[in-house]
Amino acid sequence: MGNAAEDALDRVLDVIAGSAPALAAREPFKAVTAGLPSDWRTLAYAAQVPPHKQPGAVAMYPTDNGRLHFEWRMLGTDEDFDLNKPVVLTGPSAVPDRAVAAVSTVFYPSLIWEKVKAKLGADEAGAPKLHKAEMFIRGWFPGQTMETLTGAFGPEASLALLKPDTGGAPGLLALVKLTASGRPVAQGFKDGLGAKAMLLAALADPNKPGPKLNVREEKYGDASLLIVELPDVLEKIVGDWAKDIALTVAVTDQWLIVGTSVSGVKQTLDCAAGKGASLAASLTKDGERVPTDAVTRWGVLSPASASDIVLGFAEKLAGKEKVDQARKLTNLAELLKLIKRFTWQRTDAPGMATGKADIQAIE
């Protein structure tokens, strides 16, 4: 250990004396730091950043608006650039403003499937796996080939966690953008899911005790909602939240929307039509960064609100007493409540990925 420390000290002294190259003179360091604004307060550099183990740097900048601002750059490979090619993300404008966590990302299913085929088709052992994967996926989209199926979706998708309405349950939300030919494919998925759920409901004996599956459709504006409920089972797990939990699917000209609450999907339909209070509009009003140019990924997290949802779930599943005991052992939930919001974005380019992030503390 002593020799290693002495060797490191010798290298530092050599750099100071000018007899050895400094880190700042190395090409990877210059490549990832050259594009960062020069007024940084703190700069960190790593020679191997996952997943590609390429050099990267992140810098923190002083702000006068109560936020910590970060910018980062990371060398990458051109191999996966086609999967991460930036687009103007519209998901944040379709997600309701009651989202406490959300992420929007580019999504190219046709390219993903081509890469899966190339990887599994490289040897004989992969062929059966590829066939099983194709049959499983096509099973959810009756009558579709993989080409028409994967060509129906993209180039973006979003996920969100919604805080509950008054007295209701939190909700999960997923949106996938549809291409010009996508609506019939997405409608087929919705109808096929409804048929499977109705079949399961019909097979249940009404004269015997057991979980009852409720399947119905509801009109909302120009959309038709498929609603699948399992209240008996859910009530035993999450109590009174069960009345507000239902697998809900809707299809528009632009989106396939899947959520765990009817109210969340309805609010998403309103936002997607430009009639509801969206997450993007709420954040912009609050001075947060919502990208209007092409990016690869964007996300937001409100730890103070999200921690309440997580603890609420924990109480439903494990009981209030155990959650209170856990709170005494850790201050993590209280620390999270010190942060009002965390936003970030990433933009890929050939050979380089760049990003920005902001952390806002509770005032």
Protein backbone atom coordinates (compact mmCIF):
# COMPACT_ATOMS: atom_id res chain seq x y z
CA MET A 1 0.00 0.00 0.00
CA GLY A 2 2.83 2.37 0.86
CA ASN A 3 4.58 1.76 -2.45
CA ALA A 4 1.38 2.46 -4.40
CA ALA A 5 0.94 5.76 -2.55
CA GLU A 6 4.55 6.71 -3.17
CA ASP A 7 4.20 5.88 -6.89
CA ALA A 8 1.09 8.03 -7.14
CA LEU A 9 2.86 10.91 -5.40
CA ASP A 10 5.83 10.54 -7.74
CA ARG A 11 3.51 10.78 -10.77
CA VAL A 12 1.90 13.94 -9.37
CA LEU A 13 5.30 15.51 -8.81
CA ASP A 14 6.34 14.56 -12.36
CA VAL A 15 3.24 16.32 -13.73
CA ILE A 16 3.99 19.44 -11.65
CA ALA A 17 7.58 19.41 -12.88
CA GLY A 18 6.41 19.10 -16.48
CA SER A 19 8.17 15.79 -17.08
CA ALA A 20 4.88 13.84 -17.41
CA PRO A 21 1.64 14.70 -19.25
CA ALA A 22 -1.20 16.16 -17.17
CA LEU A 23 -4.74 14.81 -17.30
CA ALA A 24 -5.89 18.05 -18.95
CA ALA A 25 -3.55 17.33 -21.87
CA ARG A 26 -5.09 13.95 -22.67
CA GLU A 27 -7.45 13.84 -25.65
CA PRO A 28 -10.34 12.02 -23.90
CA PHE A 29 -10.34 14.63 -21.11
CA LYS A 30 -10.29 17.49 -23.58
CA ALA A 31 -13.07 15.88 -25.65
CA VAL A 32 -15.55 15.59 -22.77
CA THR A 33 -14.72 18.90 -21.08
CA ALA A 34 -14.30 21.16 -24.11
CA GLY A 35 -18.05 21.53 -24.62
CA LEU A 36 -18.84 22.39 -20.99
CA PRO A 37 -19.35 26.07 -20.10
CA SER A 38 -16.24 27.39 -18.40
CA ASP A 39 -17.88 28.94 -15.32
CA TRP A 40 -18.30 25.64 -13.46
CA ARG A 41 -17.83 25.52 -9.69
CA THR A 42 -17.07 21.79 -9.40
CA LEU A 43 -15.89 19.40 -12.12
CA ALA A 44 -15.62 15.60 -11.89
CA TYR A 45 -14.04 13.31 -14.49
CA ALA A 46 -14.13 9.53 -14.84
CA ALA A 47 -12.09 7.48 -17.27
CA GLN A 48 -14.68 4.68 -17.53
CA VAL A 49 -18.37 5.54 -17.28
CA PRO A 50 -20.95 2.72 -17.68
CA PRO A 51 -22.37 1.26 -19.82
CA HIS A 52 -19.73 1.69 -22.54
CA LYS A 53 -16.87 2.36 -20.09
CA GLN A 54 -15.96 5.54 -21.93
CA PRO A 55 -14.59 8.78 -20.42
CA GLY A 56 -17.09 11.31 -19.10
CA ALA A 57 -17.25 14.54 -17.11
CA VAL A 58 -19.92 16.35 -15.07
CA ALA A 59 -19.81 19.96 -13.90
CA MET A 60 -21.88 21.85 -11.33
CA TYR A 61 -22.76 25.48 -11.91
CA PRO A 62 -23.84 28.22 -9.50
CA THR A 63 -27.36 29.56 -9.99
CA ASP A 64 -29.37 32.40 -8.55
CA ASN A 65 -32.78 30.69 -8.69
CA GLY A 66 -32.46 28.22 -5.81
CA ARG A 67 -31.36 25.33 -8.03
CA LEU A 68 -28.20 23.30 -8.49
CA HIS A 69 -27.45 23.02 -12.21
CA PHE A 70 -25.35 20.23 -13.73
CA GLU A 71 -24.11 19.58 -17.25
CA TRP A 72 -22.33 16.45 -18.43
CA ARG A 73 -20.67 14.94 -21.49
CA MET A 74 -19.73 11.33 -22.15
CA LEU A 75 -17.94 9.70 -25.05
CA GLY A 76 -19.97 6.96 -26.71
CA THR A 77 -19.98 4.64 -29.67
CA ASP A 78 -21.81 5.05 -32.95
CA GLU A 79 -23.05 1.46 -32.70
CA ASP A 80 -26.26 2.27 -30.78
CA PHE A 81 -26.82 5.81 -32.03
CA ASP A 82 -29.71 4.71 -34.27
CA LEU A 83 -31.55 3.50 -31.16
CA ASN A 84 -30.98 6.83 -29.37
CA LYS A 85 -31.43 9.30 -32.20
CA PRO A 86 -33.03 12.43 -30.64
CA VAL A 87 -36.58 13.57 -31.42
CA VAL A 88 -38.80 16.36 -30.11
CA LEU A 89 -40.58 14.57 -27.25
CA THR A 90 -44.31 15.31 -26.95
CA GLY A 91 -44.95 12.94 -24.03
CA PRO A 92 -44.50 15.61 -21.31
CA SER A 93 -47.39 17.54 -22.87
CA ALA A 94 -49.65 14.46 -22.74
CA VAL A 95 -48.87 13.46 -19.13
CA PRO A 96 -51.18 15.04 -16.50
CA ASP A 97 -49.75 17.62 -14.11
CA ARG A 98 -50.35 15.36 -11.10
CA ALA A 99 -47.36 13.22 -12.14
CA VAL A 100 -44.71 13.13 -9.39
CA ALA A 101 -42.27 11.16 -11.53
CA ALA A 102 -42.08 10.80 -15.31
CA VAL A 103 -39.66 9.84 -18.03
CA SER A 104 -39.98 10.27 -21.79
CA THR A 105 -37.61 8.51 -24.15
CA VAL A 106 -37.06 7.80 -27.82
CA PHE A 107 -38.46 4.41 -28.79
CA TYR A 108 -37.70 2.66 -32.08
CA PRO A 109 -39.27 -0.83 -31.88
CA SER A 110 -38.43 -1.75 -35.50
CA LEU A 111 -34.72 -1.10 -34.88
CA ILE A 112 -34.84 -2.86 -31.52
CA TRP A 113 -36.39 -5.95 -33.12
CA GLU A 114 -33.79 -5.97 -35.89
CA LYS A 115 -30.99 -5.94 -33.32
CA VAL A 116 -32.69 -8.73 -31.33
CA LYS A 117 -32.96 -10.82 -34.52
CA ALA A 118 -29.32 -10.19 -35.38
CA LYS A 119 -28.15 -11.20 -31.90
CA LEU A 120 -30.31 -14.31 -31.48
CA GLY A 121 -29.96 -15.36 -35.11
CA ALA A 122 -26.17 -15.44 -34.89
CA ASP A 123 -26.20 -19.06 -33.67
CA GLU A 124 -28.49 -22.09 -33.78
CA ALA A 125 -29.31 -21.90 -30.08
CA GLY A 126 -30.83 -18.44 -30.56
CA ALA A 127 -33.32 -19.43 -33.26
CA PRO A 128 -35.84 -21.16 -30.93
CA LYS A 129 -35.63 -18.24 -28.51
CA LEU A 130 -36.31 -15.82 -31.33
CA HIS A 131 -39.34 -17.84 -32.45
CA LYS A 132 -40.76 -17.96 -28.92
CA ALA A 133 -40.26 -14.21 -28.48
CA GLU A 134 -42.02 -13.50 -31.77
CA MET A 135 -44.97 -15.76 -30.93
CA PHE A 136 -45.34 -14.21 -27.49
CA ILE A 137 -45.34 -10.64 -28.84
CA ARG A 138 -47.65 -11.40 -31.76
CA GLY A 139 -50.04 -13.11 -29.35
CA TRP A 140 -50.95 -9.69 -27.98
CA PHE A 141 -51.54 -8.24 -31.46
CA PRO A 142 -53.90 -10.57 -33.33
CA GLY A 143 -53.37 -10.80 -37.08
CA GLN A 144 -50.21 -8.68 -37.15
CA THR A 145 -46.78 -9.56 -38.50
CA MET A 146 -43.71 -8.36 -36.62
CA GLU A 147 -43.06 -5.84 -39.38
CA THR A 148 -46.50 -4.21 -39.14
CA LEU A 149 -46.49 -4.50 -35.37
CA THR A 150 -43.13 -2.86 -34.74
CA GLY A 151 -43.80 -0.31 -37.47
CA ALA A 152 -46.95 0.85 -35.68
CA PHE A 153 -45.17 2.39 -32.68
CA GLY A 154 -42.60 5.10 -32.10
CA PRO A 155 -40.57 7.20 -32.05
CA GLU A 156 -41.22 7.87 -28.36
CA ALA A 157 -42.74 6.48 -25.16
CA SER A 158 -43.39 7.81 -21.65
CA LEU A 159 -43.92 6.42 -18.15
CA ALA A 160 -45.33 8.33 -15.19
CA LEU A 161 -46.31 7.91 -11.54
CA LEU A 162 -49.42 9.93 -10.66
CA LYS A 163 -50.28 11.18 -7.20
CA PRO A 164 -53.79 10.21 -6.11
CA ASP A 165 -56.91 12.26 -6.49
CA THR A 166 -58.61 13.07 -3.19
CA GLY A 167 -59.26 9.79 -1.40
CA GLY A 168 -58.04 7.72 -4.35
CA ALA A 169 -55.02 5.61 -5.16
CA PRO A 170 -51.78 6.59 -6.91
CA GLY A 171 -51.59 5.53 -10.52
CA LEU A 172 -49.08 4.26 -13.07
CA LEU A 173 -49.29 5.47 -16.65
CA ALA A 174 -47.65 4.36 -19.90
CA LEU A 175 -47.92 6.08 -23.29
CA VAL A 176 -46.53 4.89 -26.61
CA LYS A 177 -46.60 7.16 -29.66
CA LEU A 178 -48.29 5.73 -32.75
CA THR A 179 -47.10 6.08 -36.32
CA ALA A 180 -49.47 6.97 -39.15
CA SER A 181 -50.38 3.28 -39.49
CA GLY A 182 -50.44 2.58 -35.77
CA ARG A 183 -54.01 3.11 -34.63
CA PRO A 184 -55.49 -0.13 -36.09
CA VAL A 185 -52.64 -2.13 -34.53
CA ALA A 186 -53.10 -0.48 -31.13
CA GLN A 187 -56.88 -0.93 -31.38
CA GLY A 188 -56.30 -4.63 -32.10
CA PHE A 189 -54.19 -4.88 -28.94
CA LYS A 190 -56.96 -3.22 -26.90
CA ASP A 191 -59.71 -5.39 -28.38
CA GLY A 192 -57.66 -8.57 -27.97
CA LEU A 193 -56.92 -7.74 -24.33
CA GLY A 194 -60.62 -7.08 -23.75
CA ALA A 195 -61.57 -10.41 -25.34
CA LYS A 196 -59.09 -12.32 -23.15
CA ALA A 197 -60.38 -10.57 -20.02
CA MET A 198 -64.02 -11.25 -20.93
CA LEU A 199 -63.23 -14.91 -21.52
CA LEU A 200 -61.62 -15.21 -18.08
CA ALA A 201 -64.62 -13.47 -16.51
CA ALA A 202 -67.07 -15.80 -18.29
CA LEU A 203 -65.18 -18.92 -17.12
CA ALA A 204 -65.56 -17.98 -13.45
CA ASP A 205 -68.43 -19.74 -11.67
CA PRO A 206 -70.71 -17.04 -10.19
CA ASN A 207 -72.00 -19.51 -7.58
CA LYS A 208 -68.57 -20.19 -6.13
CA PRO A 209 -66.47 -17.90 -3.95
CA GLY A 210 -63.39 -16.44 -5.57
CA PRO A 211 -62.08 -13.37 -7.33
CA LYS A 212 -64.50 -11.74 -9.77
CA LEU A 213 -63.18 -10.01 -12.88
CA ASN A 214 -65.20 -7.03 -14.10
CA VAL A 215 -64.72 -6.01 -17.74
CA ARG A 216 -66.43 -3.02 -19.31
CA GLU A 217 -66.02 -0.29 -21.90
CA GLU A 218 -66.70 3.39 -21.34
CA LYS A 219 -66.92 6.21 -23.85
CA TYR A 220 -64.88 9.32 -23.13
CA GLY A 221 -64.85 12.01 -25.79
CA ASP A 222 -63.71 10.44 -29.04
CA ALA A 223 -62.05 7.53 -27.26
CA SER A 224 -63.36 4.25 -25.91
CA LEU A 225 -61.83 2.99 -22.65
CA LEU A 226 -61.34 -0.68 -21.86
CA ILE A 227 -61.60 -1.08 -18.07
CA VAL A 228 -60.65 -4.30 -16.28
CA GLU A 229 -61.26 -4.46 -12.51
CA LEU A 230 -60.43 -7.07 -9.89
CA PRO A 231 -61.83 -5.42 -6.75
CA ASP A 232 -62.11 -8.47 -4.47
CA VAL A 233 -58.44 -9.38 -4.70
CA LEU A 234 -57.14 -5.82 -4.62
CA GLU A 235 -59.22 -4.86 -1.59
CA LYS A 236 -57.45 -7.53 0.47
CA ILE A 237 -54.10 -6.05 -0.54
CA VAL A 238 -54.55 -2.28 -0.71
CA GLY A 239 -57.83 -1.72 1.14
CA ASP A 240 -59.94 1.24 0.06
CA TRP A 241 -57.51 2.04 -2.78
CA ALA A 242 -59.02 -0.92 -4.66
CA LYS A 243 -62.02 1.11 -5.82
CA ASP A 244 -59.73 3.44 -7.77
CA ILE A 245 -57.48 0.79 -9.35
CA ALA A 246 -58.35 -0.67 -12.75
CA LEU A 247 -56.34 -1.63 -15.80
CA THR A 248 -57.46 1.00 -18.30
CA VAL A 249 -56.55 1.12 -21.99
CA ALA A 250 -57.34 3.85 -24.53
CA VAL A 251 -56.29 4.47 -28.13
CA THR A 252 -56.17 7.78 -30.00
CA ASP A 253 -54.76 8.73 -33.39
CA GLN A 254 -51.42 9.49 -31.73
CA TRP A 255 -51.18 7.40 -28.56
CA LEU A 256 -51.67 4.00 -27.01
CA ILE A 257 -52.39 4.78 -23.35
CA VAL A 258 -52.33 2.19 -20.55
CA GLY A 259 -52.92 3.10 -16.91
CA THR A 260 -53.91 1.68 -13.54
CA SER A 261 -56.70 4.19 -12.93
CA VAL A 262 -59.63 5.40 -15.01
CA SER A 263 -59.16 8.99 -13.85
CA GLY A 264 -55.47 9.01 -14.83
CA VAL A 265 -56.18 7.78 -18.36
CA LYS A 266 -59.03 10.28 -18.79
CA GLN A 267 -56.78 13.14 -17.70
CA THR A 268 -54.14 11.92 -20.16
CA LEU A 269 -56.69 11.93 -22.98
CA ASP A 270 -57.54 15.52 -22.09
CA CYS A 271 -53.88 16.57 -22.05
CA ALA A 272 -53.15 14.78 -25.33
CA ALA A 273 -56.04 16.71 -26.89
CA GLY A 274 -54.69 20.00 -25.54
CA LYS A 275 -57.57 20.45 -23.09
CA GLY A 276 -56.07 19.38 -19.76
CA ALA A 277 -53.42 20.62 -17.33
CA SER A 278 -50.25 18.90 -18.53
CA LEU A 279 -46.97 18.19 -16.76
CA ALA A 280 -45.03 20.21 -19.35
CA ALA A 281 -47.21 23.29 -18.87
CA SER A 282 -47.00 23.04 -15.07
CA LEU A 283 -43.21 22.71 -15.06
CA THR A 284 -42.72 25.53 -17.56
CA LYS A 285 -44.88 27.80 -15.41
CA ASP A 286 -42.66 26.91 -12.43
CA GLY A 287 -39.48 27.82 -14.33
CA GLU A 288 -38.27 24.27 -14.98
CA ARG A 289 -36.55 23.03 -18.13
CA VAL A 290 -38.86 21.13 -20.50
CA PRO A 291 -37.01 20.56 -23.78
CA THR A 292 -38.61 21.90 -26.93
CA ASP A 293 -35.78 20.72 -29.19
CA ALA A 294 -34.77 17.16 -30.03
CA VAL A 295 -33.46 15.08 -27.11
CA THR A 296 -32.99 11.40 -26.39
CA ARG A 297 -34.49 11.23 -22.90
CA TRP A 298 -36.05 13.57 -20.38
CA GLY A 299 -37.26 12.99 -16.85
CA VAL A 300 -38.60 14.62 -13.70
CA LEU A 301 -38.88 13.44 -10.10
CA SER A 302 -40.53 15.15 -7.13
CA PRO A 303 -38.98 13.19 -4.22
CA ALA A 304 -41.09 14.88 -1.54
CA SER A 305 -44.34 13.74 -3.19
CA ALA A 306 -43.02 10.41 -4.45
CA SER A 307 -41.81 9.39 -0.99
CA ASP A 308 -45.34 9.88 0.39
CA ILE A 309 -46.69 7.53 -2.30
CA VAL A 310 -44.03 4.90 -1.59
CA LEU A 311 -44.72 5.05 2.13
CA GLY A 312 -48.45 4.87 1.46
CA PHE A 313 -47.97 1.68 -0.55
CA ALA A 314 -45.73 0.29 2.18
CA GLU A 315 -48.38 0.93 4.81
CA LYS A 316 -51.00 -0.86 2.70
CA LEU A 317 -48.76 -3.89 2.18
CA ALA A 318 -46.83 -4.16 5.45
CA GLY A 319 -48.91 -2.19 7.94
CA LYS A 320 -48.42 1.21 9.53
CA GLU A 321 -46.56 -0.18 12.56
CA LYS A 322 -43.78 -1.73 10.47
CA VAL A 323 -43.45 1.38 8.34
CA ASP A 324 -43.15 3.54 11.47
CA GLN A 325 -40.41 1.21 12.74
CA ALA A 326 -38.57 1.52 9.45
CA ARG A 327 -38.85 5.30 9.62
CA LYS A 328 -37.09 5.26 12.97
CA LEU A 329 -34.20 3.29 11.49
CA THR A 330 -33.62 5.57 8.52
CA ASN A 331 -34.07 9.23 7.70
CA LEU A 332 -34.15 8.59 3.94
CA ALA A 333 -37.78 9.63 3.53
CA GLU A 334 -37.17 12.84 5.46
CA LEU A 335 -34.05 13.60 3.40
CA LEU A 336 -36.00 13.10 0.17
CA LYS A 337 -38.54 15.64 1.36
CA LEU A 338 -35.81 18.30 1.32
CA ILE A 339 -35.73 18.10 -2.48
CA LYS A 340 -38.67 19.62 -4.31
CA ARG A 341 -37.82 18.50 -7.83
CA PHE A 342 -35.11 16.90 -9.96
CA THR A 343 -35.20 17.30 -13.76
CA TRP A 344 -32.77 15.93 -16.33
CA GLN A 345 -32.31 15.39 -20.04
CA ARG A 346 -29.92 13.53 -22.33
CA THR A 347 -29.10 14.16 -25.97
CA ASP A 348 -27.14 11.66 -28.05
CA ALA A 349 -24.98 12.50 -31.05
CA PRO A 350 -22.53 10.29 -32.96
CA GLY A 351 -19.68 9.57 -30.57
CA MET A 352 -20.97 11.78 -27.75
CA ALA A 353 -23.83 12.00 -25.25
CA THR A 354 -24.57 15.24 -23.40
CA GLY A 355 -26.96 16.07 -20.62
CA LYS A 356 -28.31 18.63 -18.19
CA ALA A 357 -29.90 18.35 -14.75
CA ASP A 358 -31.38 20.66 -12.13
CA ILE A 359 -32.07 20.03 -8.45
CA GLN A 360 -34.47 22.35 -6.64
CA ALA A 361 -34.63 22.28 -2.84
CA ILE A 362 -37.71 22.87 -0.71
CA GLU A 363 -37.93 26.56 0.12
